[in-house]
Amino acid sequence: MSAPPVVDLPIEDERLALDVANGLAAVEKLLRRSVESEDAFVTEASRHLIEAGGKRFRTLMVLLAAQFGDPSAPGVVPGAVVIELTHLGSLYHDDVMDEAPVRRGSPSANARWDNTVAILTGDYLFAQASDILADLGPELIRIQAQTFSRLVQGQIRETIGPRDDEDPVDHYLSVLSDKTGSLIAASGRFGALLSGAPADVEERLSRACEAIGVAWQLGDDLLDVASSGAQSGKTPGTDLREGVKTLPVLYALATGETSRLTSLLSGPVAEEEVEEALTLLRAHPGMARARAELESWVDRARADIFGLPDIPAKNAFLALCDYVVERSG
């Protein structure tokens, strides 16, 4: 079975492009096999989001990072599957918490079945990831546990919101680092470790991947306001409708001004007012500040990538940095 499309990242080196394509196909095959159960319903529910597609962004990070060691090392593909299963399991849980009816263009598991099935399916994917991880050694188990701890703490902090004495922007960025950046950082670390890359390369890849992950999410924030919908894969203004205060919104509210925009952004935006809110927010300086923040995270990633060995994968990571900026508009 062929691998699903990943991010639209052209890889100039033909051998690297072939290695990545073969790696993606191998990950996809093992990913599907890893969720098979004697119970047909468990298999169906577990494959629900796998078959819905997705960018396999974290898998790409593992495979590119593994190029700095031996990319054919036996643990690389299983390690990528562990990362992808962890990500997918968290999506099942996210959809329950968000009461999301759709995921990747298909009914979410909680909508197709119910919340209990979705939660238990997510738990099953975490269990399957742990089973694979047990064969990869205690160091990888520890990294996964620490990553999962960050992911959960980020979700909790997002749920309860910033403390009274905490800057909302600082809170938001720290949540993104934990909730999104941590697993992408682990992707880079897994690829480096499992391929036998040097320790200093592992550290650089982990930091760079986390920064890329935060920047990617900030790009989604901008696309939700500025895009036509085709770019982001979701209807513009979705976050506004749900009352999610993304970075452009936080910057707009941080001015302390009383305006039509801040009035609209005080809570979920009514459907009939979404277009007005989008128009006002697109013209607000908060958009430029949010874009500058995204670019600062990409610059952090580039600073670590520049110090990596000069191989084709280094150029691919730099191209990914450019892509993250370009996709945000």
Protein backbone atom coordinates (compact mmCIF):
# COMPACT_ATOMS: atom_id res chain seq x y z
CA MET A 1 0.00 0.00 0.00
CA SER A 2 1.36 3.40 -0.92
CA ALA A 3 1.96 6.05 1.71
CA PRO A 4 -0.47 8.98 1.97
CA PRO A 5 0.59 12.40 0.78
CA VAL A 6 2.78 14.28 3.21
CA VAL A 7 3.43 18.01 3.28
CA ASP A 8 4.05 19.39 -0.18
CA LEU A 9 7.81 19.44 0.32
CA PRO A 10 9.91 18.99 -2.83
CA ILE A 11 13.06 17.02 -2.03
CA GLU A 12 15.70 17.85 -4.62
CA ASP A 13 18.04 14.95 -3.92
CA GLU A 14 16.65 11.92 -5.78
CA ARG A 15 18.14 9.34 -3.45
CA LEU A 16 16.77 11.10 -0.37
CA ALA A 17 13.37 11.44 -2.01
CA LEU A 18 13.35 7.70 -2.73
CA ASP A 19 14.49 6.84 0.80
CA VAL A 20 11.73 9.00 2.29
CA ALA A 21 9.07 7.57 -0.04
CA ASN A 22 10.10 4.00 0.81
CA GLY A 23 10.17 4.86 4.50
CA LEU A 24 6.69 6.37 4.38
CA ALA A 25 5.35 3.27 2.64
CA ALA A 26 6.96 0.99 5.24
CA VAL A 27 5.57 3.09 8.11
CA GLU A 28 2.10 3.04 6.59
CA LYS A 29 2.17 -0.74 6.25
CA LEU A 30 3.31 -1.30 9.84
CA LEU A 31 0.93 1.37 11.14
CA ARG A 32 -2.08 -0.47 9.75
CA ARG A 33 -0.81 -3.84 10.90
CA SER A 34 -0.11 -2.55 14.41
CA VAL A 35 -3.76 -1.74 15.12
CA GLU A 36 -5.17 -5.07 13.95
CA SER A 37 -7.16 -6.85 16.64
CA GLU A 38 -8.98 -10.15 16.91
CA ASP A 39 -12.06 -8.00 17.39
CA ALA A 40 -13.13 -6.64 14.00
CA PHE A 41 -14.79 -3.59 15.55
CA VAL A 42 -11.61 -2.60 17.41
CA THR A 43 -9.68 -2.85 14.15
CA GLU A 44 -12.30 -0.78 12.31
CA ALA A 45 -12.39 1.95 14.95
CA SER A 46 -8.59 2.04 15.20
CA ARG A 47 -8.14 2.37 11.45
CA HIS A 48 -10.77 5.08 11.19
CA LEU A 49 -8.35 8.01 11.37
CA ILE A 50 -5.52 6.15 9.64
CA GLU A 51 -7.72 5.68 6.60
CA ALA A 52 -8.89 9.30 6.76
CA GLY A 53 -5.37 10.25 5.66
CA GLY A 54 -3.28 13.05 7.10
CA LYS A 55 0.05 14.67 6.39
CA ARG A 56 2.21 12.12 8.29
CA PHE A 57 4.24 15.18 9.23
CA ARG A 58 5.78 13.53 12.28
CA THR A 59 6.72 10.45 10.28
CA LEU A 60 8.56 12.71 7.84
CA MET A 61 10.48 14.25 10.76
CA VAL A 62 11.59 10.80 11.97
CA LEU A 63 12.71 9.73 8.51
CA LEU A 64 14.61 12.93 7.74
CA ALA A 65 16.30 12.89 11.16
CA ALA A 66 17.35 9.27 10.61
CA GLN A 67 19.37 10.38 7.58
CA PHE A 68 21.99 11.76 9.98
CA GLY A 69 22.77 8.19 11.04
CA ASP A 70 21.84 4.92 9.36
CA PRO A 71 18.34 5.46 7.91
CA SER A 72 17.96 1.72 7.28
CA ALA A 73 18.49 0.85 10.97
CA PRO A 74 15.80 -1.61 12.10
CA GLY A 75 14.25 0.64 14.74
CA VAL A 76 13.55 3.66 12.52
CA VAL A 77 10.26 2.51 10.98
CA PRO A 78 8.84 1.12 14.27
CA GLY A 79 9.88 4.35 16.00
CA ALA A 80 7.99 6.39 13.42
CA VAL A 81 4.93 4.19 13.96
CA VAL A 82 5.13 4.80 17.72
CA ILE A 83 5.11 8.54 17.11
CA GLU A 84 2.22 8.34 14.64
CA LEU A 85 0.13 6.10 16.92
CA THR A 86 0.67 8.53 19.79
CA HIS A 87 -0.43 11.42 17.60
CA LEU A 88 -3.49 9.57 16.32
CA GLY A 89 -4.49 8.46 19.82
CA SER A 90 -4.36 12.07 20.99
CA LEU A 91 -6.64 13.10 18.08
CA TYR A 92 -9.34 10.65 19.19
CA HIS A 93 -9.24 12.25 22.63
CA ASP A 94 -9.06 15.81 21.26
CA ASP A 95 -12.23 15.27 19.24
CA VAL A 96 -14.11 14.18 22.35
CA MET A 97 -12.93 17.20 24.33
CA ASP A 98 -13.69 19.57 21.46
CA GLU A 99 -16.95 17.81 20.54
CA ALA A 100 -15.65 17.87 16.97
CA PRO A 101 -18.00 16.33 14.38
CA VAL A 102 -15.39 16.08 11.61
CA ARG A 103 -11.75 15.08 11.42
CA ARG A 104 -9.75 15.07 8.17
CA GLY A 105 -12.90 15.51 6.12
CA SER A 106 -14.64 12.46 7.63
CA PRO A 107 -16.95 12.05 10.62
CA SER A 108 -14.89 11.94 13.80
CA ALA A 109 -14.92 8.70 15.78
CA ASN A 110 -17.06 10.27 18.50
CA ALA A 111 -19.57 11.40 15.85
CA ARG A 112 -19.58 8.07 14.01
CA TRP A 113 -19.88 6.03 17.19
CA ASP A 114 -19.82 7.83 20.56
CA ASN A 115 -17.45 9.42 23.07
CA THR A 116 -16.77 6.19 24.93
CA VAL A 117 -15.68 4.38 21.77
CA ALA A 118 -13.48 7.31 20.75
CA ILE A 119 -11.76 7.52 24.15
CA LEU A 120 -11.18 3.77 24.37
CA THR A 121 -9.88 3.65 20.80
CA GLY A 122 -7.38 6.38 21.63
CA ASP A 123 -6.32 4.37 24.67
CA TYR A 124 -5.90 1.28 22.48
CA LEU A 125 -3.60 3.17 20.10
CA PHE A 126 -1.48 4.35 23.04
CA ALA A 127 -1.26 0.73 24.23
CA GLN A 128 -0.19 -0.48 20.80
CA ALA A 129 2.45 2.25 20.65
CA SER A 130 3.78 1.11 24.04
CA ASP A 131 3.95 -2.50 22.85
CA ILE A 132 6.17 -1.51 19.89
CA LEU A 133 8.18 0.86 22.05
CA ALA A 134 9.06 -1.90 24.51
CA ASP A 135 11.30 -3.46 21.84
CA LEU A 136 13.15 -0.18 21.20
CA GLY A 137 14.79 0.10 24.61
CA PRO A 138 14.47 1.99 27.91
CA GLU A 139 15.88 5.28 26.61
CA LEU A 140 13.16 5.54 23.97
CA ILE A 141 10.53 4.55 26.53
CA ARG A 142 11.70 7.36 28.82
CA ILE A 143 11.63 9.93 26.00
CA GLN A 144 8.12 8.84 25.04
CA ALA A 145 6.93 9.06 28.65
CA GLN A 146 8.39 12.54 29.09
CA THR A 147 6.88 13.63 25.78
CA PHE A 148 3.46 12.28 26.71
CA SER A 149 3.68 14.06 30.05
CA ARG A 150 4.32 17.37 28.26
CA LEU A 151 1.53 16.73 25.80
CA VAL A 152 -1.00 16.07 28.57
CA GLN A 153 0.18 19.02 30.68
CA GLY A 154 -0.16 21.26 27.65
CA GLN A 155 -3.72 20.06 27.12
CA ILE A 156 -4.56 20.66 30.79
CA ARG A 157 -3.07 24.16 30.74
CA GLU A 158 -4.98 24.97 27.57
CA THR A 159 -8.20 23.75 29.21
CA ILE A 160 -7.86 25.81 32.39
CA GLY A 161 -6.41 28.89 30.66
CA PRO A 162 -3.73 31.33 31.86
CA ARG A 163 -3.38 32.23 35.53
CA ASP A 164 -4.41 35.72 36.60
CA ASP A 165 -0.74 36.76 36.79
CA GLU A 166 0.25 35.07 33.52
CA ASP A 167 0.56 36.80 30.17
CA PRO A 168 -1.97 35.16 27.79
CA VAL A 169 0.48 35.21 24.88
CA ASP A 170 3.23 33.53 26.94
CA HIS A 171 0.69 30.98 28.14
CA TYR A 172 -0.47 30.27 24.61
CA LEU A 173 3.03 29.77 23.24
CA SER A 174 4.00 27.48 26.11
CA VAL A 175 0.86 25.41 25.48
CA LEU A 176 1.80 25.08 21.81
CA SER A 177 5.32 23.98 22.77
CA ASP A 178 3.94 21.26 25.02
CA LYS A 179 0.84 20.21 23.10
CA THR A 180 2.23 20.33 19.57
CA GLY A 181 5.97 20.92 19.68
CA SER A 182 6.85 18.16 22.14
CA LEU A 183 5.79 15.24 19.94
CA ILE A 184 7.44 16.75 16.86
CA ALA A 185 10.61 17.24 18.92
CA ALA A 186 10.38 13.57 19.91
CA SER A 187 10.08 12.69 16.22
CA GLY A 188 13.44 14.27 15.49
CA ARG A 189 14.98 12.69 18.58
CA PHE A 190 13.62 9.23 17.72
CA GLY A 191 14.99 9.41 14.18
CA ALA A 192 18.41 10.48 15.39
CA LEU A 193 18.66 7.98 18.23
CA LEU A 194 17.34 4.98 16.33
CA SER A 195 19.68 5.65 13.42
CA GLY A 196 22.71 6.06 15.66
CA ALA A 197 23.32 9.74 14.91
CA PRO A 198 25.76 11.63 17.19
CA ALA A 199 24.40 13.11 20.43
CA ASP A 200 24.96 16.72 19.38
CA VAL A 201 23.01 16.08 16.16
CA GLU A 202 20.20 14.53 18.18
CA GLU A 203 19.94 17.63 20.38
CA ARG A 204 19.93 20.00 17.40
CA LEU A 205 17.27 17.97 15.61
CA SER A 206 15.06 17.83 18.69
CA ARG A 207 15.20 21.60 19.23
CA ALA A 208 14.73 22.36 15.54
CA CYS A 209 11.77 20.02 15.19
CA GLU A 210 10.04 21.51 18.23
CA ALA A 211 10.47 25.02 16.83
CA ILE A 212 9.14 23.88 13.45
CA GLY A 213 6.14 22.32 15.20
CA VAL A 214 5.25 25.52 17.04
CA ALA A 215 5.71 27.54 13.85
CA TRP A 216 3.47 25.12 11.95
CA GLN A 217 0.66 25.62 14.48
CA LEU A 218 1.10 29.39 14.36
CA GLY A 219 0.78 29.08 10.58
CA ASP A 220 -2.55 27.32 11.11
CA ASP A 221 -3.63 30.26 13.30
CA LEU A 222 -2.86 32.70 10.50
CA LEU A 223 -4.47 30.54 7.83
CA ASP A 224 -7.69 30.32 9.83
CA VAL A 225 -7.96 34.10 9.50
CA ALA A 226 -6.33 34.83 6.15
CA SER A 227 -6.89 31.79 3.94
CA SER A 228 -9.60 31.00 1.43
CA GLY A 229 -10.16 27.61 3.03
CA ALA A 230 -8.38 25.51 0.41
CA GLN A 231 -5.00 26.27 2.02
CA SER A 232 -5.89 25.29 5.56
CA GLY A 233 -8.32 22.47 4.81
CA LYS A 234 -10.97 24.01 7.02
CA THR A 235 -13.49 26.81 6.80
CA PRO A 236 -11.89 30.20 7.58
CA GLY A 237 -12.98 31.53 10.96
CA THR A 238 -13.43 28.09 12.52
CA ASP A 239 -11.44 29.13 15.60
CA LEU A 240 -13.48 32.34 15.90
CA ARG A 241 -16.72 30.39 15.78
CA GLU A 242 -15.46 28.11 18.54
CA GLY A 243 -14.16 30.96 20.68
CA VAL A 244 -10.57 29.71 20.43
CA LYS A 245 -8.20 32.58 21.13
CA THR A 246 -5.31 32.01 18.73
CA LEU A 247 -2.26 34.26 18.57
CA PRO A 248 -3.68 36.95 16.21
CA VAL A 249 -6.74 37.21 18.47
CA LEU A 250 -4.62 37.43 21.62
CA TYR A 251 -2.54 40.22 20.09
CA ALA A 252 -5.71 42.10 19.08
CA LEU A 253 -7.12 41.77 22.59
CA ALA A 254 -3.79 42.71 24.23
CA THR A 255 -4.12 46.30 23.01
CA GLY A 256 -6.73 46.94 25.67
CA GLU A 257 -8.65 49.06 23.21
CA THR A 258 -12.42 49.12 23.09
CA SER A 259 -13.47 48.52 19.51
CA ARG A 260 -15.91 46.60 17.39
CA LEU A 261 -13.24 43.93 16.84
CA THR A 262 -12.46 43.39 20.53
CA SER A 263 -16.19 43.22 21.21
CA LEU A 264 -16.58 40.51 18.59
CA LEU A 265 -13.57 38.58 19.90
CA SER A 266 -14.72 38.50 23.52
CA GLY A 267 -16.23 35.04 23.01
CA PRO A 268 -17.40 32.69 20.25
CA VAL A 269 -18.30 34.75 17.19
CA ALA A 270 -21.85 34.33 15.92
CA GLU A 271 -22.10 32.91 12.41
CA GLU A 272 -23.58 36.08 10.98
CA GLU A 273 -20.67 38.12 12.36
CA VAL A 274 -17.76 35.85 11.38
CA GLU A 275 -17.08 37.57 8.06
CA GLU A 276 -17.02 40.98 9.73
CA ALA A 277 -14.64 39.71 12.43
CA LEU A 278 -12.35 38.17 9.81
CA THR A 279 -12.26 41.39 7.80
CA LEU A 280 -11.37 43.47 10.86
CA LEU A 281 -8.81 40.96 12.15
CA ARG A 282 -7.07 40.69 8.77
CA ALA A 283 -6.46 44.44 8.86
CA HIS A 284 -5.30 44.49 12.50
CA PRO A 285 -1.57 44.80 13.42
CA GLY A 286 -2.00 41.62 15.46
CA MET A 287 -1.73 39.62 12.24
CA ALA A 288 1.70 41.06 11.46
CA ARG A 289 2.84 40.43 15.04
CA ALA A 290 1.66 36.83 14.85
CA ARG A 291 3.49 36.36 11.55
CA ALA A 292 6.66 37.82 13.09
CA GLU A 293 6.35 35.36 15.99
CA LEU A 294 6.04 32.47 13.53
CA GLU A 295 9.15 33.66 11.70
CA SER A 296 11.08 33.91 14.97
CA TRP A 297 10.36 30.22 15.68
CA VAL A 298 11.47 29.29 12.18
CA ASP A 299 14.67 31.27 12.73
CA ARG A 300 15.30 29.23 15.90
CA ALA A 301 14.92 26.05 13.89
CA ARG A 302 17.24 27.29 11.14
CA ALA A 303 19.92 28.21 13.71
CA ASP A 304 20.12 24.57 14.84
CA ILE A 305 19.78 23.13 11.34
CA PHE A 306 22.70 25.23 10.08
CA GLY A 307 24.92 23.38 12.55
CA LEU A 308 24.02 19.94 11.20
CA PRO A 309 26.29 17.89 8.92
CA ASP A 310 26.10 18.99 5.31
CA ILE A 311 24.00 16.20 3.77
CA PRO A 312 20.83 16.34 1.62
CA ALA A 313 18.58 15.94 4.67
CA LYS A 314 19.94 19.23 6.04
CA ASN A 315 18.74 21.00 2.89
CA ALA A 316 15.39 19.24 3.19
CA PHE A 317 14.98 20.58 6.74
CA LEU A 318 15.87 24.08 5.55
CA ALA A 319 13.35 23.74 2.71
CA LEU A 320 10.77 22.71 5.29
CA CYS A 321 11.46 25.90 7.24
CA ASP A 322 10.84 27.91 4.08
CA TYR A 323 7.67 25.93 3.45
CA VAL A 324 6.30 26.64 6.94
CA VAL A 325 6.70 30.38 6.33
CA GLU A 326 5.32 30.29 2.80
CA ARG A 327 2.23 28.24 3.64
CA SER A 328 1.17 30.83 6.22
CA GLY A 329 0.78 33.40 3.44
